[in-house]
Amino acid sequence: MIEARHLRVLRAVATTGSFSAAARTLGCTQPAVSQQMKALETSAGTPLLIRTGREMRLTQAGEALVRHAAGILAGLTAAEEEIAAIAGLRAGRVRLVSFPSGSSTLVPAALAALRAAHPGTQVSLVDAEPPRSVEMLRDGDCDVALAFRYGGASDGRDDESGGDSAEWDDLVVRPLLTDHLVGLVPEGHRLAEAGTVTIGDLAEEPWIAGCPRCRRQLVEVCEGAGFTPRIDFATDDYPAVIGLVAAGLGVAVLPELALESVRPKGTRTIMLDPPVVREIVALTLPDLSRVPAVAATLDRLALAAAR
């Protein structure tokens, strides 16, 4: 096998014309140069150098190898520099996938901080709700997935929400924050001035539900309170949910994180007792967690959540 270090020595000998001069150029001893050239000729299976008086001359095979060595060593140097840049966060790429309310709240602050600290790191962003975002991570379609699961999702069931806590056992889980769900009612509603209500207080109301996972959670919480919600409308779009509530078409339960980036005009928020929460986390694969750009992204997401 031809090694890069042997090619560097061969180029030095070809340039300087002797083992001793090459040794001075490379900062090593003349016997070390001679030993490496013997090893290279053994790997090549043919003589590469011929001694003519005090100088060394390349054979035809040696000339061919030196000619190719220039490109090989240049490519290797470029690769080493690129790897060093990635390791030092002067370069790098992170593919991030996030659910919409995370994309509008946590992600902007995190990516702004990442760019300020490491301007050479490039981040792409795609929206996807869990469990699809977790599937993308395992399929190699992203490096970091911002995801959530509800507090009651650790009951061991394997349902369409992907809420089974065991589902994430093979992943690196960075907890970010606990997001409370709040009730949303129209202005002028009988409970608009109530500070806190139970989910049962809304049992007779028509409902506007969110994404499939949130819809499943809503039904489970309501059934736990002894009723099945009458869902008149369902949409993944939080501004649409707020607009429907403001128009008096029903009530809703939304994460506080979703309300941070939307002006809930025409509505009032009320706290739920007992509280309903969801856990917001950043996920990655164990091997990816050691990549500097990925680790820096996780750190910035955690800082954004802490604020």
C-alpha atoms as a PDB file:
ATOM      1  CA  MET A   1       0.000   0.000   0.000  1.00  0.00           C
ATOM      2  CA  ILE A   2       1.372   3.398  -0.993  1.00  0.00           C
ATOM      3  CA  GLU A   3       1.248   5.849   1.914  1.00  0.00           C
ATOM      4  CA  ALA A   4       0.976   9.620   1.692  1.00  0.00           C
ATOM      5  CA  ARG A   5       4.056  10.135   3.892  1.00  0.00           C
ATOM      6  CA  HIS A   6       6.130   8.105   1.442  1.00  0.00           C
ATOM      7  CA  LEU A   7       4.885  10.222  -1.463  1.00  0.00           C
ATOM      8  CA  ARG A   8       5.941  13.390   0.363  1.00  0.00           C
ATOM      9  CA  VAL A   9       9.434  11.988   0.833  1.00  0.00           C
ATOM     10  CA  LEU A  10       9.625  10.925  -2.828  1.00  0.00           C
ATOM     11  CA  ARG A  11       8.680  14.443  -3.954  1.00  0.00           C
ATOM     12  CA  ALA A  12      11.340  15.925  -1.673  1.00  0.00           C
ATOM     13  CA  VAL A  13      13.993  13.595  -3.097  1.00  0.00           C
ATOM     14  CA  ALA A  14      12.898  14.401  -6.651  1.00  0.00           C
ATOM     15  CA  THR A  15      13.043  18.137  -5.925  1.00  0.00           C
ATOM     16  CA  THR A  16      16.349  18.224  -4.022  1.00  0.00           C
ATOM     17  CA  GLY A  17      18.158  15.438  -5.880  1.00  0.00           C
ATOM     18  CA  SER A  18      19.498  13.535  -2.856  1.00  0.00           C
ATOM     19  CA  PHE A  19      18.481  11.738   0.314  1.00  0.00           C
ATOM     20  CA  SER A  20      20.507  14.060   2.531  1.00  0.00           C
ATOM     21  CA  ALA A  21      19.057  17.229   0.996  1.00  0.00           C
ATOM     22  CA  ALA A  22      15.541  15.785   1.217  1.00  0.00           C
ATOM     23  CA  ALA A  23      16.179  14.942   4.890  1.00  0.00           C
ATOM     24  CA  ARG A  24      17.147  18.561   5.610  1.00  0.00           C
ATOM     25  CA  THR A  25      14.018  19.802   3.816  1.00  0.00           C
ATOM     26  CA  LEU A  26      11.757  17.412   5.709  1.00  0.00           C
ATOM     27  CA  GLY A  27      13.459  17.856   9.073  1.00  0.00           C
ATOM     28  CA  CYS A  28      14.418  14.202   9.496  1.00  0.00           C
ATOM     29  CA  THR A  29      17.534  12.033   9.137  1.00  0.00           C
ATOM     30  CA  GLN A  30      19.049  10.681   5.918  1.00  0.00           C
ATOM     31  CA  PRO A  31      18.595   7.028   7.050  1.00  0.00           C
ATOM     32  CA  ALA A  32      14.896   7.734   7.660  1.00  0.00           C
ATOM     33  CA  VAL A  33      14.535   9.007   4.090  1.00  0.00           C
ATOM     34  CA  SER A  34      16.379   5.964   2.720  1.00  0.00           C
ATOM     35  CA  GLN A  35      14.184   3.612   4.765  1.00  0.00           C
ATOM     36  CA  GLN A  36      10.963   5.227   3.556  1.00  0.00           C
ATOM     37  CA  MET A  37      12.070   5.101  -0.068  1.00  0.00           C
ATOM     38  CA  LYS A  38      12.813   1.383   0.276  1.00  0.00           C
ATOM     39  CA  ALA A  39       9.340   0.873   1.740  1.00  0.00           C
ATOM     40  CA  LEU A  40       7.776   2.830  -1.128  1.00  0.00           C
ATOM     41  CA  GLU A  41       9.634   0.819  -3.763  1.00  0.00           C
ATOM     42  CA  THR A  42       8.501  -2.379  -2.055  1.00  0.00           C
ATOM     43  CA  SER A  43       4.889  -1.168  -2.189  1.00  0.00           C
ATOM     44  CA  ALA A  44       5.252  -0.083  -5.822  1.00  0.00           C
ATOM     45  CA  GLY A  45       6.933  -3.345  -6.808  1.00  0.00           C
ATOM     46  CA  THR A  46       9.494  -1.591  -8.995  1.00  0.00           C
ATOM     47  CA  PRO A  47      12.543   0.715  -8.600  1.00  0.00           C
ATOM     48  CA  LEU A  48      11.652   4.396  -8.386  1.00  0.00           C
ATOM     49  CA  LEU A  49      15.110   5.981  -7.967  1.00  0.00           C
ATOM     50  CA  ILE A  50      18.525   5.458  -9.574  1.00  0.00           C
ATOM     51  CA  ARG A  51      21.731   6.840  -8.052  1.00  0.00           C
ATOM     52  CA  THR A  52      23.873   8.735 -10.575  1.00  0.00           C
ATOM     53  CA  GLY A  53      26.997   9.973  -8.838  1.00  0.00           C
ATOM     54  CA  ARG A  54      25.928  12.091  -5.913  1.00  0.00           C
ATOM     55  CA  GLU A  55      22.371  12.620  -7.196  1.00  0.00           C
ATOM     56  CA  MET A  56      19.242  10.509  -7.319  1.00  0.00           C
ATOM     57  CA  ARG A  57      17.361  10.255 -10.610  1.00  0.00           C
ATOM     58  CA  LEU A  58      13.774   9.102 -11.027  1.00  0.00           C
ATOM     59  CA  THR A  59      12.997   6.020 -13.051  1.00  0.00           C
ATOM     60  CA  GLN A  60      10.068   6.099 -15.466  1.00  0.00           C
ATOM     61  CA  ALA A  61       7.880   4.604 -12.714  1.00  0.00           C
ATOM     62  CA  GLY A  62       9.217   7.190 -10.267  1.00  0.00           C
ATOM     63  CA  GLU A  63       8.359  10.025 -12.658  1.00  0.00           C
ATOM     64  CA  ALA A  64       4.824   8.698 -13.044  1.00  0.00           C
ATOM     65  CA  LEU A  65       4.388   8.408  -9.292  1.00  0.00           C
ATOM     66  CA  VAL A  66       5.697  11.928  -8.647  1.00  0.00           C
ATOM     67  CA  ARG A  67       3.365  13.263 -11.325  1.00  0.00           C
ATOM     68  CA  HIS A  68       0.352  11.678  -9.632  1.00  0.00           C
ATOM     69  CA  ALA A  69       1.637  12.488  -6.153  1.00  0.00           C
ATOM     70  CA  ALA A  70       1.109  16.202  -6.706  1.00  0.00           C
ATOM     71  CA  GLY A  71      -2.647  15.765  -7.174  1.00  0.00           C
ATOM     72  CA  ILE A  72      -2.951  13.139  -4.435  1.00  0.00           C
ATOM     73  CA  LEU A  73      -1.150  15.240  -1.843  1.00  0.00           C
ATOM     74  CA  ALA A  74      -3.003  18.409  -2.872  1.00  0.00           C
ATOM     75  CA  GLY A  75      -6.320  16.609  -2.486  1.00  0.00           C
ATOM     76  CA  LEU A  76      -5.268  15.159   0.858  1.00  0.00           C
ATOM     77  CA  THR A  77      -4.182  18.581   2.105  1.00  0.00           C
ATOM     78  CA  ALA A  78      -7.497  20.077   1.025  1.00  0.00           C
ATOM     79  CA  ALA A  79      -9.367  17.288   2.795  1.00  0.00           C
ATOM     80  CA  GLU A  80      -7.333  17.791   5.966  1.00  0.00           C
ATOM     81  CA  GLU A  81      -8.012  21.536   5.891  1.00  0.00           C
ATOM     82  CA  GLU A  82     -11.745  20.978   5.336  1.00  0.00           C
ATOM     83  CA  ILE A  83     -11.935  18.479   8.195  1.00  0.00           C
ATOM     84  CA  ALA A  84     -10.025  20.866  10.447  1.00  0.00           C
ATOM     85  CA  ALA A  85     -12.470  23.648   9.504  1.00  0.00           C
ATOM     86  CA  ILE A  86     -15.461  21.452  10.328  1.00  0.00           C
ATOM     87  CA  ALA A  87     -13.913  20.313  13.610  1.00  0.00           C
ATOM     88  CA  GLY A  88     -13.139  23.924  14.493  1.00  0.00           C
ATOM     89  CA  LEU A  89     -16.652  25.085  13.478  1.00  0.00           C
ATOM     90  CA  ARG A  90     -15.230  27.298  10.722  1.00  0.00           C
ATOM     91  CA  ALA A  91     -17.382  25.223   8.376  1.00  0.00           C
ATOM     92  CA  GLY A  92     -20.026  22.543   8.569  1.00  0.00           C
ATOM     93  CA  ARG A  93     -23.630  21.756   7.728  1.00  0.00           C
ATOM     94  CA  VAL A  94     -26.599  20.911   9.921  1.00  0.00           C
ATOM     95  CA  ARG A  95     -29.987  19.794   8.584  1.00  0.00           C
ATOM     96  CA  LEU A  96     -32.658  20.737  11.106  1.00  0.00           C
ATOM     97  CA  VAL A  97     -36.306  19.651  11.077  1.00  0.00           C
ATOM     98  CA  SER A  98     -38.827  21.246  13.439  1.00  0.00           C
ATOM     99  CA  PHE A  99     -42.546  21.405  14.120  1.00  0.00           C
ATOM    100  CA  PRO A 100     -44.094  24.794  13.137  1.00  0.00           C
ATOM    101  CA  SER A 101     -44.420  26.421  16.574  1.00  0.00           C
ATOM    102  CA  GLY A 102     -40.819  25.478  17.333  1.00  0.00           C
ATOM    103  CA  SER A 103     -39.708  26.882  13.966  1.00  0.00           C
ATOM    104  CA  SER A 104     -41.289  30.249  14.769  1.00  0.00           C
ATOM    105  CA  THR A 105     -40.077  30.564  18.368  1.00  0.00           C
ATOM    106  CA  LEU A 106     -37.041  28.516  19.417  1.00  0.00           C
ATOM    107  CA  VAL A 107     -35.321  28.056  16.060  1.00  0.00           C
ATOM    108  CA  PRO A 108     -34.813  31.730  14.999  1.00  0.00           C
ATOM    109  CA  ALA A 109     -33.030  32.705  18.220  1.00  0.00           C
ATOM    110  CA  ALA A 110     -30.947  29.514  18.222  1.00  0.00           C
ATOM    111  CA  LEU A 111     -29.809  29.887  14.609  1.00  0.00           C
ATOM    112  CA  ALA A 112     -29.060  33.597  15.020  1.00  0.00           C
ATOM    113  CA  ALA A 113     -26.803  32.783  17.978  1.00  0.00           C
ATOM    114  CA  LEU A 114     -25.164  29.929  16.054  1.00  0.00           C
ATOM    115  CA  ARG A 115     -24.441  32.133  13.048  1.00  0.00           C
ATOM    116  CA  ALA A 116     -23.001  34.880  15.254  1.00  0.00           C
ATOM    117  CA  ALA A 117     -20.645  32.423  16.972  1.00  0.00           C
ATOM    118  CA  HIS A 118     -19.832  30.246  13.943  1.00  0.00           C
ATOM    119  CA  PRO A 119     -20.627  32.089  10.694  1.00  0.00           C
ATOM    120  CA  GLY A 120     -19.150  29.301   8.577  1.00  0.00           C
ATOM    121  CA  THR A 121     -21.725  26.756   9.754  1.00  0.00           C
ATOM    122  CA  GLN A 122     -24.682  26.369   7.385  1.00  0.00           C
ATOM    123  CA  VAL A 123     -28.094  25.240   8.657  1.00  0.00           C
ATOM    124  CA  SER A 124     -31.091  24.195   6.581  1.00  0.00           C
ATOM    125  CA  LEU A 125     -34.612  24.021   8.044  1.00  0.00           C
ATOM    126  CA  VAL A 126     -37.618  21.875   7.122  1.00  0.00           C
ATOM    127  CA  ASP A 127     -40.987  21.747   8.916  1.00  0.00           C
ATOM    128  CA  ALA A 128     -42.335  18.364  10.057  1.00  0.00           C
ATOM    129  CA  GLU A 129     -44.394  17.197  13.025  1.00  0.00           C
ATOM    130  CA  PRO A 130     -43.416  14.143  15.065  1.00  0.00           C
ATOM    131  CA  PRO A 131     -43.427  11.213  14.477  1.00  0.00           C
ATOM    132  CA  ARG A 132     -42.497  12.130  10.870  1.00  0.00           C
ATOM    133  CA  SER A 133     -39.563  14.269  12.051  1.00  0.00           C
ATOM    134  CA  VAL A 134     -38.193  11.340  14.085  1.00  0.00           C
ATOM    135  CA  GLU A 135     -38.498   9.077  11.053  1.00  0.00           C
ATOM    136  CA  MET A 136     -36.537  11.627   8.997  1.00  0.00           C
ATOM    137  CA  LEU A 137     -33.766  11.593  11.604  1.00  0.00           C
ATOM    138  CA  ARG A 138     -33.485   7.807  11.556  1.00  0.00           C
ATOM    139  CA  ASP A 139     -33.642   7.739   7.739  1.00  0.00           C
ATOM    140  CA  GLY A 140     -30.686  10.113   7.484  1.00  0.00           C
ATOM    141  CA  ASP A 141     -32.743  12.994   6.073  1.00  0.00           C
ATOM    142  CA  CYS A 142     -31.808  15.380   8.883  1.00  0.00           C
ATOM    143  CA  ASP A 143     -29.215  15.769  11.649  1.00  0.00           C
ATOM    144  CA  VAL A 144     -31.328  17.322  14.417  1.00  0.00           C
ATOM    145  CA  ALA A 145     -35.081  16.956  14.994  1.00  0.00           C
ATOM    146  CA  LEU A 146     -37.024  19.325  17.213  1.00  0.00           C
ATOM    147  CA  ALA A 147     -39.909  17.229  18.557  1.00  0.00           C
ATOM    148  CA  PHE A 148     -42.439  16.980  21.356  1.00  0.00           C
ATOM    149  CA  ARG A 149     -44.430  14.432  23.313  1.00  0.00           C
ATOM    150  CA  TYR A 150     -47.241  14.865  25.794  1.00  0.00           C
ATOM    151  CA  GLY A 151     -46.925  14.235  29.495  1.00  0.00           C
ATOM    152  CA  GLY A 152     -49.344  11.346  29.334  1.00  0.00           C
ATOM    153  CA  ALA A 153     -47.619   9.722  26.376  1.00  0.00           C
ATOM    154  CA  SER A 154     -45.396   7.396  28.404  1.00  0.00           C
ATOM    155  CA  ASP A 155     -48.067   4.777  29.033  1.00  0.00           C
ATOM    156  CA  GLY A 156     -46.283   2.218  26.884  1.00  0.00           C
ATOM    157  CA  ARG A 157     -48.720   2.213  23.974  1.00  0.00           C
ATOM    158  CA  ASP A 158     -47.411   2.287  20.454  1.00  0.00           C
ATOM    159  CA  ASP A 159     -49.944   4.536  18.728  1.00  0.00           C
ATOM    160  CA  GLU A 160     -49.945   6.808  15.690  1.00  0.00           C
ATOM    161  CA  SER A 161     -48.629   9.721  17.733  1.00  0.00           C
ATOM    162  CA  GLY A 162     -45.307   8.030  18.298  1.00  0.00           C
ATOM    163  CA  GLY A 163     -45.706   8.933  21.948  1.00  0.00           C
ATOM    164  CA  ASP A 164     -44.262   5.766  23.469  1.00  0.00           C
ATOM    165  CA  SER A 165     -41.261   6.939  25.509  1.00  0.00           C
ATOM    166  CA  ALA A 166     -39.314   3.858  24.395  1.00  0.00           C
ATOM    167  CA  GLU A 167     -39.392   5.158  20.840  1.00  0.00           C
ATOM    168  CA  TRP A 168     -36.551   7.566  21.622  1.00  0.00           C
ATOM    169  CA  ASP A 169     -34.352   5.099  23.549  1.00  0.00           C
ATOM    170  CA  ASP A 170     -31.846   4.820  20.692  1.00  0.00           C
ATOM    171  CA  LEU A 171     -31.542   8.592  20.260  1.00  0.00           C
ATOM    172  CA  VAL A 172     -29.722  11.373  22.065  1.00  0.00           C
ATOM    173  CA  VAL A 173     -32.482  13.396  23.760  1.00  0.00           C
ATOM    174  CA  ARG A 174     -31.760  17.006  24.780  1.00  0.00           C
ATOM    175  CA  PRO A 175     -34.687  18.279  26.931  1.00  0.00           C
ATOM    176  CA  LEU A 176     -35.488  21.900  26.112  1.00  0.00           C
ATOM    177  CA  LEU A 177     -38.626  23.001  27.942  1.00  0.00           C
ATOM    178  CA  THR A 178     -42.036  22.019  29.296  1.00  0.00           C
ATOM    179  CA  ASP A 179     -44.785  23.660  27.257  1.00  0.00           C
ATOM    180  CA  HIS A 180     -48.174  24.177  28.934  1.00  0.00           C
ATOM    181  CA  LEU A 181     -51.396  23.945  26.986  1.00  0.00           C
ATOM    182  CA  VAL A 182     -53.937  26.705  27.534  1.00  0.00           C
ATOM    183  CA  GLY A 183     -57.602  27.051  26.681  1.00  0.00           C
ATOM    184  CA  LEU A 184     -58.610  29.520  23.998  1.00  0.00           C
ATOM    185  CA  VAL A 185     -62.137  30.967  23.942  1.00  0.00           C
ATOM    186  CA  PRO A 186     -63.774  33.863  22.039  1.00  0.00           C
ATOM    187  CA  GLU A 187     -63.975  37.293  23.633  1.00  0.00           C
ATOM    188  CA  GLY A 188     -67.327  37.553  25.368  1.00  0.00           C
ATOM    189  CA  HIS A 189     -67.431  33.826  26.104  1.00  0.00           C
ATOM    190  CA  ARG A 190     -68.935  32.872  29.448  1.00  0.00           C
ATOM    191  CA  LEU A 191     -65.495  31.730  30.656  1.00  0.00           C
ATOM    192  CA  ALA A 192     -63.463  34.538  29.076  1.00  0.00           C
ATOM    193  CA  GLU A 193     -62.778  36.184  32.439  1.00  0.00           C
ATOM    194  CA  ALA A 194     -62.059  32.937  34.273  1.00  0.00           C
ATOM    195  CA  GLY A 195     -58.468  32.628  35.386  1.00  0.00           C
ATOM    196  CA  THR A 196     -58.476  28.836  35.491  1.00  0.00           C
ATOM    197  CA  VAL A 197     -60.915  26.186  34.281  1.00  0.00           C
ATOM    198  CA  THR A 198     -61.063  22.421  34.121  1.00  0.00           C
ATOM    199  CA  ILE A 199     -61.302  20.725  30.763  1.00  0.00           C
ATOM    200  CA  GLY A 200     -64.714  19.513  31.886  1.00  0.00           C
ATOM    201  CA  ASP A 201     -65.969  23.116  32.036  1.00  0.00           C
ATOM    202  CA  LEU A 202     -65.713  23.105  28.217  1.00  0.00           C
ATOM    203  CA  ALA A 203     -67.469  19.770  27.714  1.00  0.00           C
ATOM    204  CA  GLU A 204     -70.510  21.225  25.928  1.00  0.00           C
ATOM    205  CA  GLU A 205     -68.504  23.463  23.593  1.00  0.00           C
ATOM    206  CA  PRO A 206     -67.746  22.825  19.913  1.00  0.00           C
ATOM    207  CA  TRP A 207     -63.998  22.333  19.419  1.00  0.00           C
ATOM    208  CA  ILE A 208     -61.357  23.370  16.903  1.00  0.00           C
ATOM    209  CA  ALA A 209     -58.563  20.790  16.945  1.00  0.00           C
ATOM    210  CA  GLY A 210     -54.976  20.971  15.741  1.00  0.00           C
ATOM    211  CA  CYS A 211     -52.535  18.503  14.188  1.00  0.00           C
ATOM    212  CA  PRO A 212     -53.342  14.761  14.293  1.00  0.00           C
ATOM    213  CA  ARG A 213     -51.113  14.187  17.319  1.00  0.00           C
ATOM    214  CA  CYS A 214     -52.579  17.179  19.168  1.00  0.00           C
ATOM    215  CA  ARG A 215     -56.073  16.047  18.194  1.00  0.00           C
ATOM    216  CA  ARG A 216     -55.401  12.603  19.665  1.00  0.00           C
ATOM    217  CA  GLN A 217     -54.163  14.186  22.877  1.00  0.00           C
ATOM    218  CA  LEU A 218     -57.233  16.430  23.084  1.00  0.00           C
ATOM    219  CA  VAL A 219     -59.578  13.455  22.763  1.00  0.00           C
ATOM    220  CA  GLU A 220     -57.645  11.489  25.418  1.00  0.00           C
ATOM    221  CA  VAL A 221     -57.695  14.389  27.890  1.00  0.00           C
ATOM    222  CA  CYS A 222     -61.409  15.019  27.348  1.00  0.00           C
ATOM    223  CA  GLU A 223     -62.293  11.348  27.631  1.00  0.00           C
ATOM    224  CA  GLY A 224     -60.307  11.227  30.847  1.00  0.00           C
ATOM    225  CA  ALA A 225     -62.573  14.012  32.116  1.00  0.00           C
ATOM    226  CA  GLY A 226     -65.642  11.994  31.192  1.00  0.00           C
ATOM    227  CA  PHE A 227     -66.723  13.369  27.817  1.00  0.00           C
ATOM    228  CA  THR A 228     -65.939  13.116  24.109  1.00  0.00           C
ATOM    229  CA  PRO A 229     -65.279  16.492  22.458  1.00  0.00           C
ATOM    230  CA  ARG A 230     -67.399  17.538  19.499  1.00  0.00           C
ATOM    231  CA  ILE A 231     -64.720  18.536  16.981  1.00  0.00           C
ATOM    232  CA  ASP A 232     -66.271  20.794  14.334  1.00  0.00           C
ATOM    233  CA  PHE A 233     -63.015  21.890  12.672  1.00  0.00           C
ATOM    234  CA  ALA A 234     -59.453  20.540  12.514  1.00  0.00           C
ATOM    235  CA  THR A 235     -56.439  22.320  11.060  1.00  0.00           C
ATOM    236  CA  ASP A 236     -52.662  22.219  11.491  1.00  0.00           C
ATOM    237  CA  ASP A 237     -52.510  26.010  11.048  1.00  0.00           C
ATOM    238  CA  TYR A 238     -52.444  27.799  14.415  1.00  0.00           C
ATOM    239  CA  PRO A 239     -53.499  31.216  13.027  1.00  0.00           C
ATOM    240  CA  ALA A 240     -56.488  29.445  11.444  1.00  0.00           C
ATOM    241  CA  VAL A 241     -57.380  27.885  14.817  1.00  0.00           C
ATOM    242  CA  ILE A 242     -57.237  31.314  16.454  1.00  0.00           C
ATOM    243  CA  GLY A 243     -59.330  32.844  13.666  1.00  0.00           C
ATOM    244  CA  LEU A 244     -62.011  30.180  14.037  1.00  0.00           C
ATOM    245  CA  VAL A 245     -62.124  30.669  17.804  1.00  0.00           C
ATOM    246  CA  ALA A 246     -62.280  34.465  17.420  1.00  0.00           C
ATOM    247  CA  ALA A 247     -65.215  34.043  15.040  1.00  0.00           C
ATOM    248  CA  GLY A 248     -67.105  32.222  17.782  1.00  0.00           C
ATOM    249  CA  LEU A 249     -67.059  28.859  16.034  1.00  0.00           C
ATOM    250  CA  GLY A 250     -65.666  26.933  18.975  1.00  0.00           C
ATOM    251  CA  VAL A 251     -62.981  26.671  21.645  1.00  0.00           C
ATOM    252  CA  ALA A 252     -59.499  25.196  21.443  1.00  0.00           C
ATOM    253  CA  VAL A 253     -56.532  24.088  23.496  1.00  0.00           C
ATOM    254  CA  LEU A 254     -53.182  25.340  22.192  1.00  0.00           C
ATOM    255  CA  PRO A 255     -49.574  25.159  23.410  1.00  0.00           C
ATOM    256  CA  GLU A 256     -48.266  28.392  24.897  1.00  0.00           C
ATOM    257  CA  LEU A 257     -45.339  28.117  22.482  1.00  0.00           C
ATOM    258  CA  ALA A 258     -47.747  28.360  19.549  1.00  0.00           C
ATOM    259  CA  LEU A 259     -49.287  31.557  20.942  1.00  0.00           C
ATOM    260  CA  GLU A 260     -45.919  33.300  21.331  1.00  0.00           C
ATOM    261  CA  SER A 261     -45.580  33.972  17.604  1.00  0.00           C
ATOM    262  CA  VAL A 262     -49.271  34.648  16.868  1.00  0.00           C
ATOM    263  CA  ARG A 263     -51.411  37.567  18.028  1.00  0.00           C
ATOM    264  CA  PRO A 264     -54.560  35.894  19.409  1.00  0.00           C
ATOM    265  CA  LYS A 265     -56.842  38.789  18.401  1.00  0.00           C
ATOM    266  CA  GLY A 266     -60.473  38.347  19.381  1.00  0.00           C
ATOM    267  CA  THR A 267     -59.752  35.546  21.843  1.00  0.00           C
ATOM    268  CA  ARG A 268     -58.936  35.042  25.520  1.00  0.00           C
ATOM    269  CA  THR A 269     -56.585  32.470  27.009  1.00  0.00           C
ATOM    270  CA  ILE A 270     -57.448  30.566  30.184  1.00  0.00           C
ATOM    271  CA  MET A 271     -55.314  28.195  32.241  1.00  0.00           C
ATOM    272  CA  LEU A 272     -56.236  24.542  32.595  1.00  0.00           C
ATOM    273  CA  ASP A 273     -56.407  22.707  35.923  1.00  0.00           C
ATOM    274  CA  PRO A 274     -55.065  20.069  36.138  1.00  0.00           C
ATOM    275  CA  PRO A 275     -52.393  21.267  33.723  1.00  0.00           C
ATOM    276  CA  VAL A 276     -51.759  19.585  30.391  1.00  0.00           C
ATOM    277  CA  VAL A 277     -48.155  19.776  29.212  1.00  0.00           C
ATOM    278  CA  ARG A 278     -45.925  18.609  26.428  1.00  0.00           C
ATOM    279  CA  GLU A 279     -42.165  18.051  26.561  1.00  0.00           C
ATOM    280  CA  ILE A 280     -40.132  19.867  23.914  1.00  0.00           C
ATOM    281  CA  VAL A 281     -36.844  18.148  23.027  1.00  0.00           C
ATOM    282  CA  ALA A 282     -34.089  18.156  20.438  1.00  0.00           C
ATOM    283  CA  LEU A 283     -33.154  14.743  19.080  1.00  0.00           C
ATOM    284  CA  THR A 284     -30.130  13.455  17.211  1.00  0.00           C
ATOM    285  CA  LEU A 285     -28.332  10.167  16.625  1.00  0.00           C
ATOM    286  CA  PRO A 286     -25.497   9.148  18.998  1.00  0.00           C
ATOM    287  CA  ASP A 287     -22.819   9.365  16.280  1.00  0.00           C
ATOM    288  CA  LEU A 288     -24.101  12.749  15.078  1.00  0.00           C
ATOM    289  CA  SER A 289     -23.993  14.167  18.606  1.00  0.00           C
ATOM    290  CA  ARG A 290     -20.175  14.115  18.391  1.00  0.00           C
ATOM    291  CA  VAL A 291     -20.133  16.268  15.243  1.00  0.00           C
ATOM    292  CA  PRO A 292     -19.121  19.790  16.391  1.00  0.00           C
ATOM    293  CA  ALA A 293     -21.732  21.649  14.310  1.00  0.00           C
ATOM    294  CA  VAL A 294     -24.537  19.375  15.555  1.00  0.00           C
ATOM    295  CA  ALA A 295     -23.412  19.711  19.174  1.00  0.00           C
ATOM    296  CA  ALA A 296     -23.276  23.509  18.798  1.00  0.00           C
ATOM    297  CA  THR A 297     -26.808  23.534  17.345  1.00  0.00           C
ATOM    298  CA  LEU A 298     -28.133  21.513  20.291  1.00  0.00           C
ATOM    299  CA  ASP A 299     -26.453  23.923  22.702  1.00  0.00           C
ATOM    300  CA  ARG A 300     -27.975  26.971  20.993  1.00  0.00           C
ATOM    301  CA  LEU A 301     -31.446  25.395  21.009  1.00  0.00           C
ATOM    302  CA  ALA A 302     -31.101  24.744  24.737  1.00  0.00           C
ATOM    303  CA  LEU A 303     -30.051  28.359  25.368  1.00  0.00           C
ATOM    304  CA  ALA A 304     -32.959  29.665  23.292  1.00  0.00           C
ATOM    305  CA  ALA A 305     -35.372  27.514  25.292  1.00  0.00           C
ATOM    306  CA  ALA A 306     -33.875  28.690  28.596  1.00  0.00           C
ATOM    307  CA  ARG A 307     -34.594  32.294  27.664  1.00  0.00           C
END
